[in-house]
N, C-alpha and C. Protein backbone atom coordinates (compact mmCIF):
# COMPACT_ATOMS: atom_id res chain seq x y z
N UNK A 1 0.82 -1.20 0.00
CA UNK A 1 0.00 0.00 0.00
C UNK A 1 0.86 1.26 0.00
N UNK A 2 2.03 1.19 0.65
CA UNK A 2 2.90 2.36 0.70
C UNK A 2 3.42 2.72 -0.70
N UNK A 3 3.46 1.74 -1.59
CA UNK A 3 3.93 2.01 -2.95
C UNK A 3 2.99 2.94 -3.71
N UNK A 4 1.78 3.15 -3.18
CA UNK A 4 0.83 4.07 -3.80
C UNK A 4 1.17 5.54 -3.53
N UNK A 5 1.97 5.79 -2.51
CA UNK A 5 2.20 7.17 -2.07
C UNK A 5 2.79 8.08 -3.16
N UNK A 6 3.79 7.64 -3.92
CA UNK A 6 4.28 8.54 -4.99
C UNK A 6 3.18 8.92 -5.98
N UNK A 7 2.31 7.96 -6.31
CA UNK A 7 1.20 8.25 -7.22
C UNK A 7 0.22 9.23 -6.62
N UNK A 8 -0.03 9.11 -5.32
CA UNK A 8 -0.94 10.04 -4.65
C UNK A 8 -0.35 11.45 -4.61
N UNK A 9 0.97 11.53 -4.42
CA UNK A 9 1.63 12.83 -4.45
C UNK A 9 1.47 13.48 -5.82
N UNK A 10 1.68 12.69 -6.87
CA UNK A 10 1.51 13.21 -8.23
C UNK A 10 0.08 13.68 -8.47
N UNK A 11 -0.88 12.88 -8.03
CA UNK A 11 -2.29 13.24 -8.19
C UNK A 11 -2.60 14.53 -7.44
N UNK A 12 -2.06 14.64 -6.22
CA UNK A 12 -2.31 15.83 -5.42
C UNK A 12 -1.72 17.09 -6.04
N UNK A 13 -0.52 16.95 -6.62
CA UNK A 13 0.13 18.10 -7.24
C UNK A 13 -0.66 18.63 -8.43
N UNK A 14 -1.35 17.75 -9.11
CA UNK A 14 -2.16 18.19 -10.25
C UNK A 14 -3.33 19.09 -9.81
N UNK A 15 -3.67 19.03 -8.55
CA UNK A 15 -4.74 19.88 -8.04
C UNK A 15 -4.29 21.31 -7.79
N UNK A 16 -2.97 21.54 -7.85
CA UNK A 16 -2.45 22.88 -7.55
C UNK A 16 -1.72 23.51 -8.73
N UNK A 17 -1.86 22.94 -9.90
CA UNK A 17 -1.20 23.51 -11.08
C UNK A 17 -2.10 23.40 -12.30
N UNK A 18 -2.11 24.42 -13.14
CA UNK A 18 -2.90 24.35 -14.37
C UNK A 18 -2.18 23.58 -15.47
N UNK A 19 -0.92 23.23 -15.22
CA UNK A 19 -0.13 22.54 -16.23
C UNK A 19 -0.49 21.07 -16.32
N UNK A 20 -0.31 20.50 -17.50
CA UNK A 20 -0.58 19.08 -17.69
C UNK A 20 0.55 18.21 -17.14
N UNK A 21 1.73 18.80 -17.03
CA UNK A 21 2.90 18.07 -16.56
C UNK A 21 3.39 18.69 -15.26
N UNK A 22 3.62 17.85 -14.26
CA UNK A 22 4.14 18.31 -12.97
C UNK A 22 5.64 18.07 -12.93
N UNK A 23 6.38 19.04 -12.44
CA UNK A 23 7.83 18.93 -12.35
C UNK A 23 8.23 17.75 -11.47
N UNK A 24 9.16 16.95 -11.96
CA UNK A 24 9.65 15.81 -11.19
C UNK A 24 10.33 16.28 -9.91
N UNK A 25 11.04 17.40 -9.98
CA UNK A 25 11.69 17.94 -8.78
C UNK A 25 10.65 18.31 -7.72
N UNK A 26 9.51 18.81 -8.16
CA UNK A 26 8.44 19.15 -7.23
C UNK A 26 7.91 17.91 -6.54
N UNK A 27 7.72 16.85 -7.31
CA UNK A 27 7.22 15.59 -6.75
C UNK A 27 8.22 15.02 -5.75
N UNK A 28 9.51 15.07 -6.10
CA UNK A 28 10.55 14.57 -5.19
C UNK A 28 10.54 15.34 -3.88
N UNK A 29 10.47 16.67 -3.98
CA UNK A 29 10.48 17.51 -2.78
C UNK A 29 9.25 17.25 -1.92
N UNK A 30 8.10 17.18 -2.55
CA UNK A 30 6.85 16.96 -1.81
C UNK A 30 6.81 15.58 -1.18
N UNK A 31 7.26 14.57 -1.91
CA UNK A 31 7.29 13.21 -1.38
C UNK A 31 8.21 13.11 -0.17
N UNK A 32 9.35 13.80 -0.26
CA UNK A 32 10.27 13.79 0.87
C UNK A 32 9.73 14.55 2.07
N UNK A 33 9.05 15.69 1.82
CA UNK A 33 8.55 16.52 2.92
C UNK A 33 7.33 15.92 3.59
N UNK A 34 6.40 15.39 2.81
CA UNK A 34 5.15 14.88 3.37
C UNK A 34 5.27 13.43 3.83
N UNK A 35 5.89 12.61 3.01
CA UNK A 35 5.95 11.17 3.31
C UNK A 35 7.25 10.75 3.97
N UNK A 36 8.30 11.56 3.80
CA UNK A 36 9.58 11.20 4.40
C UNK A 36 10.31 10.12 3.64
N UNK A 37 10.13 10.11 2.31
CA UNK A 37 10.78 9.09 1.50
C UNK A 37 11.61 9.68 0.37
N UNK A 38 12.59 8.93 -0.07
CA UNK A 38 13.42 9.32 -1.21
C UNK A 38 12.76 8.76 -2.47
N UNK A 39 12.22 9.64 -3.29
CA UNK A 39 11.46 9.20 -4.47
C UNK A 39 12.30 8.36 -5.41
N UNK A 40 13.56 8.71 -5.58
CA UNK A 40 14.43 7.95 -6.48
C UNK A 40 14.53 6.49 -6.03
N UNK A 41 14.65 6.28 -4.72
CA UNK A 41 14.74 4.92 -4.19
C UNK A 41 13.44 4.16 -4.39
N UNK A 42 12.33 4.84 -4.18
CA UNK A 42 11.03 4.19 -4.33
C UNK A 42 10.75 3.87 -5.80
N UNK A 43 11.19 4.71 -6.70
CA UNK A 43 11.04 4.41 -8.12
C UNK A 43 11.98 3.28 -8.53
N UNK A 44 13.12 3.20 -7.88
CA UNK A 44 14.06 2.10 -8.15
C UNK A 44 13.41 0.75 -7.84
N UNK A 45 12.58 0.73 -6.81
CA UNK A 45 11.91 -0.52 -6.44
C UNK A 45 10.98 -1.03 -7.53
N UNK A 46 10.58 -0.15 -8.44
CA UNK A 46 9.73 -0.58 -9.57
C UNK A 46 10.43 -1.59 -10.45
N UNK A 47 11.75 -1.65 -10.36
CA UNK A 47 12.51 -2.57 -11.21
C UNK A 47 12.29 -4.03 -10.82
N UNK A 48 11.56 -4.27 -9.74
CA UNK A 48 11.17 -5.64 -9.43
C UNK A 48 10.34 -6.21 -10.57
N UNK A 49 9.51 -5.38 -11.18
CA UNK A 49 8.64 -5.83 -12.26
C UNK A 49 8.98 -5.21 -13.60
N UNK A 50 9.55 -4.02 -13.60
CA UNK A 50 9.90 -3.35 -14.85
C UNK A 50 11.34 -3.70 -15.21
N UNK A 51 11.47 -4.76 -15.97
CA UNK A 51 12.79 -5.26 -16.32
C UNK A 51 13.07 -4.86 -17.75
N UNK A 52 13.85 -3.83 -17.92
CA UNK A 52 14.13 -3.31 -19.25
C UNK A 52 15.50 -3.78 -19.73
N UNK A 53 15.59 -4.31 -20.92
CA UNK A 53 16.90 -4.68 -21.48
C UNK A 53 17.80 -3.46 -21.56
N UNK A 54 19.08 -3.66 -21.43
CA UNK A 54 19.98 -2.50 -21.39
C UNK A 54 21.25 -2.73 -22.21
N UNK A 55 21.23 -2.46 -23.50
CA UNK A 55 20.05 -2.44 -24.35
C UNK A 55 19.90 -3.78 -25.05
N UNK A 56 18.79 -4.01 -25.70
CA UNK A 56 18.59 -5.25 -26.44
C UNK A 56 17.66 -4.99 -27.61
N UNK A 57 17.99 -5.39 -28.81
CA UNK A 57 19.26 -6.02 -29.20
C UNK A 57 20.36 -5.03 -29.55
N UNK A 58 20.03 -3.72 -29.63
CA UNK A 58 21.05 -2.72 -29.94
C UNK A 58 20.71 -1.43 -29.25
N UNK A 59 21.69 -0.54 -29.04
CA UNK A 59 21.43 0.72 -28.33
C UNK A 59 20.33 1.56 -28.96
N UNK A 60 20.13 1.43 -30.28
CA UNK A 60 19.13 2.27 -30.95
C UNK A 60 17.74 1.66 -30.95
N UNK A 61 17.62 0.41 -30.50
CA UNK A 61 16.32 -0.26 -30.56
C UNK A 61 15.44 0.14 -29.39
N UNK A 62 14.16 0.10 -29.63
CA UNK A 62 13.18 0.38 -28.58
C UNK A 62 12.44 -0.92 -28.29
N UNK A 63 12.68 -1.49 -27.11
CA UNK A 63 12.13 -2.79 -26.78
C UNK A 63 11.13 -2.66 -25.65
N UNK A 64 9.98 -3.23 -25.85
CA UNK A 64 8.95 -3.24 -24.82
C UNK A 64 9.13 -4.50 -23.98
N UNK A 65 9.39 -4.33 -22.68
CA UNK A 65 9.64 -5.49 -21.82
C UNK A 65 8.45 -6.43 -21.76
N UNK A 66 7.25 -5.92 -22.08
CA UNK A 66 6.06 -6.77 -22.05
C UNK A 66 6.10 -7.85 -23.13
N UNK A 67 7.00 -7.70 -24.10
CA UNK A 67 7.18 -8.74 -25.11
C UNK A 67 7.81 -9.98 -24.50
N UNK A 68 8.55 -9.80 -23.40
CA UNK A 68 9.30 -10.89 -22.80
C UNK A 68 8.77 -11.30 -21.43
N UNK A 69 8.19 -10.36 -20.71
CA UNK A 69 7.81 -10.63 -19.33
C UNK A 69 6.33 -10.36 -19.09
N UNK A 70 5.69 -11.16 -18.25
CA UNK A 70 4.29 -10.91 -17.90
C UNK A 70 4.20 -9.76 -16.90
N UNK A 71 3.00 -9.20 -16.71
CA UNK A 71 2.83 -8.21 -15.63
C UNK A 71 3.20 -8.84 -14.29
N UNK A 72 3.68 -8.04 -13.37
CA UNK A 72 4.07 -8.54 -12.05
C UNK A 72 5.11 -9.66 -12.17
N UNK A 73 6.16 -9.38 -12.89
CA UNK A 73 7.20 -10.39 -13.13
C UNK A 73 7.72 -10.99 -11.84
N UNK A 74 7.93 -10.16 -10.84
CA UNK A 74 8.48 -10.65 -9.57
C UNK A 74 7.56 -11.68 -8.92
N UNK A 75 6.25 -11.48 -9.05
CA UNK A 75 5.29 -12.42 -8.47
C UNK A 75 5.39 -13.78 -9.15
N UNK A 76 5.47 -13.77 -10.47
CA UNK A 76 5.54 -15.02 -11.22
C UNK A 76 6.81 -15.79 -10.89
N UNK A 77 7.93 -15.09 -10.80
CA UNK A 77 9.19 -15.77 -10.49
C UNK A 77 9.19 -16.27 -9.05
N UNK A 78 8.63 -15.47 -8.14
CA UNK A 78 8.59 -15.87 -6.73
C UNK A 78 7.79 -17.15 -6.53
N UNK A 79 6.64 -17.25 -7.19
CA UNK A 79 5.75 -18.40 -7.01
C UNK A 79 6.05 -19.54 -7.98
N UNK A 80 6.93 -19.33 -8.91
CA UNK A 80 7.26 -20.35 -9.90
C UNK A 80 8.04 -21.50 -9.26
N UNK A 81 7.64 -22.73 -9.57
CA UNK A 81 8.38 -23.90 -9.10
C UNK A 81 9.74 -23.92 -9.79
N UNK A 82 10.83 -23.85 -9.04
CA UNK A 82 12.15 -23.78 -9.68
C UNK A 82 12.52 -25.04 -10.47
N UNK A 83 11.86 -26.16 -10.18
CA UNK A 83 12.14 -27.38 -10.94
C UNK A 83 11.60 -27.28 -12.36
N UNK A 84 10.41 -26.67 -12.49
CA UNK A 84 9.83 -26.50 -13.83
C UNK A 84 10.32 -25.21 -14.48
N UNK A 85 10.36 -24.13 -13.72
CA UNK A 85 10.88 -22.84 -14.21
C UNK A 85 10.34 -22.51 -15.59
N UNK A 86 9.01 -22.50 -15.71
CA UNK A 86 8.39 -22.34 -17.02
C UNK A 86 8.64 -20.98 -17.66
N UNK A 87 9.07 -20.00 -16.86
CA UNK A 87 9.35 -18.67 -17.41
C UNK A 87 10.78 -18.53 -17.93
N UNK A 88 11.64 -19.47 -17.59
CA UNK A 88 13.06 -19.31 -17.92
C UNK A 88 13.34 -19.14 -19.42
N UNK A 89 12.58 -19.76 -20.33
CA UNK A 89 12.85 -19.50 -21.75
C UNK A 89 12.62 -18.04 -22.14
N UNK A 90 11.73 -17.37 -21.40
CA UNK A 90 11.44 -15.98 -21.73
C UNK A 90 12.52 -15.02 -21.28
N UNK A 91 13.18 -15.34 -20.16
CA UNK A 91 14.19 -14.41 -19.66
C UNK A 91 15.61 -14.95 -19.81
N UNK A 92 15.76 -16.03 -20.57
CA UNK A 92 17.08 -16.63 -20.71
C UNK A 92 18.13 -15.72 -21.31
N UNK A 93 17.70 -14.76 -22.15
CA UNK A 93 18.67 -13.87 -22.80
C UNK A 93 19.07 -12.69 -21.93
N UNK A 94 18.42 -12.57 -20.76
CA UNK A 94 18.73 -11.46 -19.85
C UNK A 94 19.36 -12.01 -18.57
N UNK A 95 20.25 -11.25 -17.98
CA UNK A 95 20.90 -11.65 -16.73
C UNK A 95 20.07 -11.13 -15.55
N UNK A 96 18.98 -11.83 -15.25
CA UNK A 96 18.09 -11.37 -14.18
C UNK A 96 18.70 -11.59 -12.80
N UNK A 97 19.58 -12.56 -12.69
CA UNK A 97 20.25 -12.77 -11.40
C UNK A 97 21.05 -11.53 -11.02
N UNK A 98 21.80 -11.01 -11.96
CA UNK A 98 22.56 -9.78 -11.73
C UNK A 98 21.62 -8.60 -11.50
N UNK A 99 20.55 -8.53 -12.30
CA UNK A 99 19.58 -7.44 -12.18
C UNK A 99 19.00 -7.36 -10.78
N UNK A 100 18.54 -8.50 -10.26
CA UNK A 100 17.89 -8.51 -8.95
C UNK A 100 18.89 -8.33 -7.81
N UNK A 101 20.09 -8.86 -7.98
CA UNK A 101 21.10 -8.70 -6.92
C UNK A 101 21.52 -7.23 -6.81
N UNK A 102 21.74 -6.58 -7.94
CA UNK A 102 22.08 -5.16 -7.93
C UNK A 102 20.94 -4.32 -7.36
N UNK A 103 19.72 -4.69 -7.72
CA UNK A 103 18.55 -3.97 -7.20
C UNK A 103 18.47 -4.09 -5.69
N UNK A 104 18.68 -5.29 -5.17
CA UNK A 104 18.65 -5.51 -3.73
C UNK A 104 19.71 -4.67 -3.03
N UNK A 105 20.92 -4.65 -3.58
CA UNK A 105 22.00 -3.87 -2.97
C UNK A 105 21.73 -2.37 -3.02
N UNK A 106 21.20 -1.90 -4.16
CA UNK A 106 20.90 -0.47 -4.30
C UNK A 106 19.82 -0.02 -3.33
N UNK A 107 18.78 -0.84 -3.20
CA UNK A 107 17.68 -0.48 -2.30
C UNK A 107 18.12 -0.55 -0.84
N UNK A 108 18.96 -1.52 -0.54
CA UNK A 108 19.47 -1.64 0.83
C UNK A 108 20.30 -0.43 1.20
N UNK A 109 21.10 0.03 0.27
CA UNK A 109 21.92 1.23 0.50
C UNK A 109 21.03 2.45 0.70
N UNK A 110 19.99 2.57 -0.13
CA UNK A 110 19.07 3.70 -0.01
C UNK A 110 18.29 3.65 1.30
N UNK A 111 17.97 2.45 1.74
CA UNK A 111 17.17 2.27 2.95
C UNK A 111 17.92 2.76 4.19
N UNK A 112 19.23 2.62 4.17
CA UNK A 112 20.03 2.96 5.35
C UNK A 112 20.86 4.23 5.17
N UNK A 113 20.74 4.89 4.01
CA UNK A 113 21.61 6.04 3.70
C UNK A 113 21.37 7.23 4.62
N UNK A 114 20.13 7.65 4.77
CA UNK A 114 19.81 8.84 5.57
C UNK A 114 18.48 8.60 6.27
N UNK A 115 18.52 7.83 7.35
CA UNK A 115 17.30 7.41 8.04
C UNK A 115 16.57 8.57 8.69
N UNK A 116 17.30 9.60 9.10
CA UNK A 116 16.65 10.76 9.73
C UNK A 116 15.89 11.60 8.70
N UNK A 117 16.48 11.75 7.52
CA UNK A 117 15.85 12.55 6.48
C UNK A 117 14.73 11.79 5.78
N UNK A 118 14.92 10.47 5.61
CA UNK A 118 13.94 9.66 4.88
C UNK A 118 13.50 8.46 5.73
N UNK A 119 12.72 8.71 6.78
CA UNK A 119 12.29 7.60 7.65
C UNK A 119 11.40 6.59 6.92
N UNK A 120 10.69 7.02 5.88
CA UNK A 120 9.80 6.11 5.16
C UNK A 120 10.58 5.03 4.42
N UNK A 121 11.85 5.27 4.17
CA UNK A 121 12.65 4.31 3.42
C UNK A 121 12.84 2.99 4.15
N UNK A 122 12.50 2.95 5.44
CA UNK A 122 12.62 1.69 6.16
C UNK A 122 11.68 0.64 5.59
N UNK A 123 10.61 1.09 4.93
CA UNK A 123 9.66 0.15 4.34
C UNK A 123 10.17 -0.45 3.04
N UNK A 124 11.36 -0.06 2.62
CA UNK A 124 11.98 -0.69 1.47
C UNK A 124 12.60 -2.03 1.83
N UNK A 125 12.53 -2.39 3.10
CA UNK A 125 13.11 -3.66 3.55
C UNK A 125 12.50 -4.84 2.80
N UNK A 126 11.19 -4.78 2.55
CA UNK A 126 10.54 -5.89 1.85
C UNK A 126 11.04 -6.03 0.41
N UNK A 127 11.04 -4.97 -0.41
CA UNK A 127 11.59 -5.14 -1.76
C UNK A 127 13.07 -5.48 -1.77
N UNK A 128 13.82 -5.05 -0.76
CA UNK A 128 15.23 -5.44 -0.66
C UNK A 128 15.36 -6.95 -0.56
N UNK A 129 14.58 -7.52 0.35
CA UNK A 129 14.65 -8.96 0.57
C UNK A 129 14.04 -9.73 -0.59
N UNK A 130 12.96 -9.21 -1.16
CA UNK A 130 12.33 -9.87 -2.30
C UNK A 130 13.30 -9.93 -3.48
N UNK A 131 13.97 -8.84 -3.77
CA UNK A 131 14.93 -8.82 -4.88
C UNK A 131 16.06 -9.82 -4.65
N UNK A 132 16.50 -9.95 -3.39
CA UNK A 132 17.57 -10.90 -3.08
C UNK A 132 17.09 -12.34 -3.28
N UNK A 133 15.89 -12.64 -2.83
CA UNK A 133 15.32 -13.97 -3.02
C UNK A 133 15.20 -14.30 -4.51
N UNK A 134 14.75 -13.34 -5.30
CA UNK A 134 14.61 -13.56 -6.74
C UNK A 134 15.96 -13.79 -7.40
N UNK A 135 16.99 -13.09 -6.92
CA UNK A 135 18.33 -13.28 -7.49
C UNK A 135 18.84 -14.70 -7.24
N UNK A 136 18.46 -15.28 -6.12
CA UNK A 136 18.86 -16.65 -5.79
C UNK A 136 18.07 -17.68 -6.59
N UNK A 137 16.83 -17.35 -6.90
CA UNK A 137 15.93 -18.34 -7.49
C UNK A 137 15.93 -18.34 -9.01
N UNK A 138 16.15 -17.20 -9.63
CA UNK A 138 15.85 -17.04 -11.05
C UNK A 138 16.66 -17.98 -11.95
N UNK A 139 17.88 -18.32 -11.58
CA UNK A 139 18.70 -19.21 -12.40
C UNK A 139 18.97 -20.55 -11.72
N UNK A 140 18.24 -20.86 -10.68
CA UNK A 140 18.51 -22.07 -9.91
C UNK A 140 18.34 -23.33 -10.75
N UNK A 141 17.25 -23.40 -11.51
CA UNK A 141 17.01 -24.59 -12.33
C UNK A 141 18.12 -24.78 -13.35
N UNK A 142 18.54 -23.69 -13.99
CA UNK A 142 19.60 -23.76 -14.99
C UNK A 142 20.88 -24.31 -14.38
N UNK A 143 21.24 -23.82 -13.20
CA UNK A 143 22.46 -24.28 -12.54
C UNK A 143 22.37 -25.75 -12.16
N UNK A 144 21.21 -26.15 -11.61
CA UNK A 144 21.02 -27.55 -11.22
C UNK A 144 21.03 -28.46 -12.44
N UNK A 145 20.38 -28.02 -13.51
CA UNK A 145 20.31 -28.83 -14.73
C UNK A 145 21.70 -29.05 -15.32
N UNK A 146 22.49 -28.00 -15.38
CA UNK A 146 23.83 -28.12 -15.95
C UNK A 146 24.69 -29.08 -15.13
N UNK A 147 24.62 -28.97 -13.81
CA UNK A 147 25.40 -29.86 -12.95
C UNK A 147 24.90 -31.29 -13.03
N UNK A 148 23.58 -31.47 -13.10
CA UNK A 148 22.99 -32.82 -13.15
C UNK A 148 23.35 -33.52 -14.46
N UNK A 149 23.23 -32.81 -15.59
CA UNK A 149 23.54 -33.41 -16.89
C UNK A 149 25.02 -33.76 -17.01
N UNK A 150 25.85 -32.96 -16.34
CA UNK A 150 27.29 -33.21 -16.37
C UNK A 150 27.71 -34.27 -15.36
N UNK A 151 26.77 -34.71 -14.52
CA UNK A 151 27.10 -35.69 -13.49
C UNK A 151 28.04 -35.14 -12.44
N UNK A 152 28.00 -33.84 -12.25
CA UNK A 152 28.91 -33.17 -11.32
C UNK A 152 28.28 -33.14 -9.92
N UNK A 153 28.52 -34.19 -9.16
CA UNK A 153 27.94 -34.30 -7.83
C UNK A 153 28.51 -33.26 -6.87
N UNK A 154 29.75 -32.91 -7.08
CA UNK A 154 30.37 -31.89 -6.23
C UNK A 154 29.66 -30.55 -6.41
N UNK A 155 29.37 -30.21 -7.67
CA UNK A 155 28.68 -28.95 -7.96
C UNK A 155 27.26 -28.98 -7.41
N UNK A 156 26.59 -30.13 -7.52
CA UNK A 156 25.23 -30.25 -6.98
C UNK A 156 25.23 -30.04 -5.48
N UNK A 157 26.20 -30.63 -4.80
CA UNK A 157 26.30 -30.45 -3.35
C UNK A 157 26.60 -29.00 -3.00
N UNK A 158 27.45 -28.37 -3.81
CA UNK A 158 27.79 -26.96 -3.59
C UNK A 158 26.55 -26.08 -3.75
N UNK A 159 25.73 -26.36 -4.77
CA UNK A 159 24.50 -25.59 -4.99
C UNK A 159 23.53 -25.79 -3.83
N UNK A 160 23.49 -27.01 -3.31
CA UNK A 160 22.63 -27.28 -2.16
C UNK A 160 23.10 -26.50 -0.93
N UNK A 161 24.40 -26.48 -0.72
CA UNK A 161 24.96 -25.83 0.47
C UNK A 161 24.91 -24.31 0.39
N UNK A 162 24.87 -23.77 -0.83
CA UNK A 162 24.91 -22.31 -0.99
C UNK A 162 23.56 -21.76 -1.48
N UNK A 163 23.35 -21.82 -2.78
CA UNK A 163 22.17 -21.19 -3.38
C UNK A 163 20.85 -21.70 -2.80
N UNK A 164 20.71 -23.03 -2.76
CA UNK A 164 19.44 -23.60 -2.31
C UNK A 164 19.18 -23.34 -0.84
N UNK A 165 20.22 -23.49 -0.02
CA UNK A 165 20.07 -23.23 1.41
C UNK A 165 19.75 -21.76 1.68
N UNK A 166 20.46 -20.88 1.00
CA UNK A 166 20.19 -19.44 1.15
C UNK A 166 18.78 -19.09 0.67
N UNK A 167 18.35 -19.72 -0.42
CA UNK A 167 17.01 -19.45 -0.95
C UNK A 167 15.94 -19.85 0.06
N UNK A 168 16.05 -21.04 0.61
CA UNK A 168 15.07 -21.50 1.60
C UNK A 168 15.06 -20.60 2.83
N UNK A 169 16.24 -20.26 3.32
CA UNK A 169 16.35 -19.43 4.51
C UNK A 169 15.73 -18.05 4.29
N UNK A 170 16.04 -17.43 3.17
CA UNK A 170 15.56 -16.07 2.92
C UNK A 170 14.11 -16.03 2.47
N UNK A 171 13.62 -17.12 1.87
CA UNK A 171 12.20 -17.19 1.53
C UNK A 171 11.36 -17.23 2.81
N UNK A 172 11.81 -18.00 3.79
CA UNK A 172 11.11 -18.03 5.08
C UNK A 172 11.18 -16.66 5.76
N UNK A 173 12.32 -16.02 5.64
CA UNK A 173 12.48 -14.67 6.21
C UNK A 173 11.55 -13.68 5.51
N UNK A 174 11.42 -13.82 4.19
CA UNK A 174 10.53 -12.95 3.42
C UNK A 174 9.08 -13.18 3.82
N UNK A 175 8.71 -14.45 3.98
CA UNK A 175 7.34 -14.79 4.40
C UNK A 175 7.02 -14.16 5.75
N UNK A 176 7.97 -14.27 6.70
CA UNK A 176 7.74 -13.72 8.03
C UNK A 176 7.64 -12.20 7.99
N UNK A 177 8.49 -11.56 7.19
CA UNK A 177 8.45 -10.10 7.08
C UNK A 177 7.12 -9.65 6.49
N UNK A 178 6.67 -10.32 5.45
CA UNK A 178 5.39 -9.98 4.83
C UNK A 178 4.25 -10.16 5.82
N UNK A 179 4.30 -11.23 6.58
CA UNK A 179 3.26 -11.52 7.57
C UNK A 179 3.25 -10.48 8.68
N UNK A 180 4.43 -10.13 9.17
CA UNK A 180 4.53 -9.11 10.21
C UNK A 180 4.02 -7.76 9.71
N UNK A 181 4.37 -7.43 8.47
CA UNK A 181 3.89 -6.17 7.88
C UNK A 181 2.37 -6.18 7.75
N UNK A 182 1.84 -7.30 7.29
CA UNK A 182 0.39 -7.40 7.06
C UNK A 182 -0.38 -7.31 8.38
N UNK A 183 0.07 -8.04 9.37
CA UNK A 183 -0.62 -8.01 10.66
C UNK A 183 -0.42 -6.68 11.37
N UNK A 184 0.76 -6.06 11.16
CA UNK A 184 1.06 -4.81 11.85
C UNK A 184 0.38 -3.60 11.24
N UNK A 185 0.24 -3.59 9.91
CA UNK A 185 -0.31 -2.41 9.23
C UNK A 185 -1.77 -2.57 8.86
N UNK A 186 -2.10 -3.71 8.27
CA UNK A 186 -3.48 -3.90 7.80
C UNK A 186 -4.42 -4.32 8.92
N UNK A 187 -3.85 -4.98 9.95
CA UNK A 187 -4.63 -5.43 11.10
C UNK A 187 -5.88 -6.21 10.67
N UNK A 188 -5.68 -7.31 9.95
CA UNK A 188 -6.82 -8.09 9.48
C UNK A 188 -7.49 -8.86 10.60
N UNK A 189 -8.71 -9.25 10.37
CA UNK A 189 -9.47 -10.11 11.29
C UNK A 189 -9.67 -9.50 12.66
N UNK A 190 -9.61 -8.17 12.77
CA UNK A 190 -9.85 -7.52 14.04
C UNK A 190 -8.74 -7.69 15.05
N UNK A 191 -7.51 -7.93 14.57
CA UNK A 191 -6.39 -8.16 15.49
C UNK A 191 -6.10 -6.96 16.38
N UNK A 192 -6.52 -5.77 15.92
CA UNK A 192 -6.21 -4.58 16.71
C UNK A 192 -7.14 -4.42 17.90
N UNK A 193 -8.25 -5.17 17.93
CA UNK A 193 -9.21 -5.01 19.01
C UNK A 193 -9.23 -6.19 19.97
N UNK A 194 -8.73 -7.31 19.54
CA UNK A 194 -8.78 -8.48 20.41
C UNK A 194 -7.42 -9.13 20.54
N UNK A 195 -7.37 -10.16 21.36
CA UNK A 195 -6.13 -10.88 21.59
C UNK A 195 -5.83 -11.77 20.40
N UNK A 196 -4.60 -11.73 19.95
CA UNK A 196 -4.21 -12.56 18.82
C UNK A 196 -4.30 -14.03 19.21
N UNK A 197 -4.80 -14.83 18.29
CA UNK A 197 -4.89 -16.26 18.55
C UNK A 197 -3.52 -16.89 18.44
N UNK A 198 -3.41 -18.12 18.91
CA UNK A 198 -2.11 -18.78 18.97
C UNK A 198 -1.48 -18.94 17.59
N UNK A 199 -2.32 -19.24 16.58
CA UNK A 199 -1.75 -19.46 15.25
C UNK A 199 -1.16 -18.20 14.66
N UNK A 200 -1.63 -17.04 15.09
CA UNK A 200 -1.10 -15.78 14.56
C UNK A 200 0.26 -15.45 15.16
N UNK A 201 0.57 -16.07 16.28
CA UNK A 201 1.84 -15.79 16.95
C UNK A 201 2.93 -16.79 16.58
N UNK A 202 2.57 -17.77 15.75
CA UNK A 202 3.56 -18.79 15.38
C UNK A 202 4.54 -18.22 14.37
């Protein structure tokens, strides 16, 4: 829900100007003053789903990412069974592992850069972790397949000890963070008025 805030700022600014276009600098200033967030960092988080080739196939070409990726790309990759990895043929020509790892690092840096000036940036923790999980998962099947076909048991064990173990650990961490955010902010099922049941505290 917090991802709606930049859009609401833009909508609000249109109420105070006769112009059809609102200055980006104005939106950045207003977003920082009212919401306490760094607009550049929040727009960076859009790269979870907006995966643009850089460039493909040539610097002069104009490529629509929707030709290669479905809407909500991060959702599809997150929920995709890594054994089947049915989306991998669509993104095989792009280095999404690098894309998501760089995104996670950039957002993490923005989240902790100036906490006093941009307190809202603490909510970037979820996209930081999501991008990291996606970086671990997106090429997992390819790596396992290559090692399996080559009969490389050492590599398979290495993938289990590193990529797969990290993926499981951080996916559970992501699930818990999402759950804590949902129960803490949305307060579903009347949790704010009554005692939480035992299953909610697990």
